[in-house]
Amino acid sequence: MSEQSQHIHFENTNRWSTKQLVTMALMCALGALFMYVQLPILPSAPFLTYDPSLVPAMVCGFAYGPGAGTAVAAMAIVIHALTTGDWVGALMNLVATLGYILPAAIVYQMHTYKGAVIGLALGVIAATALSMVANLTVGVWFWYGSADVILPLMLPTVLPFNLIKTVLNSVLTLVVYKAVSNLITPKKDQVKGRA
């Protein structure tokens, strides 16, 4: 064995602790359960329903970073798709969810209330735009057959629904994260003035 190989130092590169992984698994299960809450919020489109499933994923995104939030959301979506068989809806949901969680969790790494609000606002905009793109691509390919079916519904229905949905999830995230952040965030990561 050479001199150099005897001095190799291996470092644990696990990003999340056991407590964080357990919290993420619980949040994933909670997110999957929340997908079964189906509340119509637009009388003109009762087939579009609100569920608070993004809140647990966003809480993990704020607490542990964008990778954790994305992992929790993706796993909850897969669990729901496995139980319902709705893979097209799952794919469309995943596109919008990534647009919601990633900007918010990335901006929130500043760990301030202002960072949380700015990040969530960016997430609302990105998720709404991406949900419209998903409807015009994935939805047309697998459900609608033609853009002519969904185009008339984009501005009066799809746009306001997704704005309302993501704003509601943002408000709930701010409330829930404030309440649970001291329980789930490692002490070393807690910063004065954090949301």
Foldseek 3Di string as FASTA:
>chain_A
DDPVVVPDDDDDPDLDDPLLVVLLVVLLVVLLVQVPDFAQDDPVCSVHGATLSLLSLLLSLLQRNLVSSLVSLLSSLVVNCVVVVPVLVSVLVSQLSNLQRHQQSVQCLVQAPVSNVVSNVSSLVRSLVSSLVSCQPSVCVPPVVDVVVCVVCSVVHSNVSSNVNSVVSSVVNVVVSVVCSVVRHDPVSDDPNGD
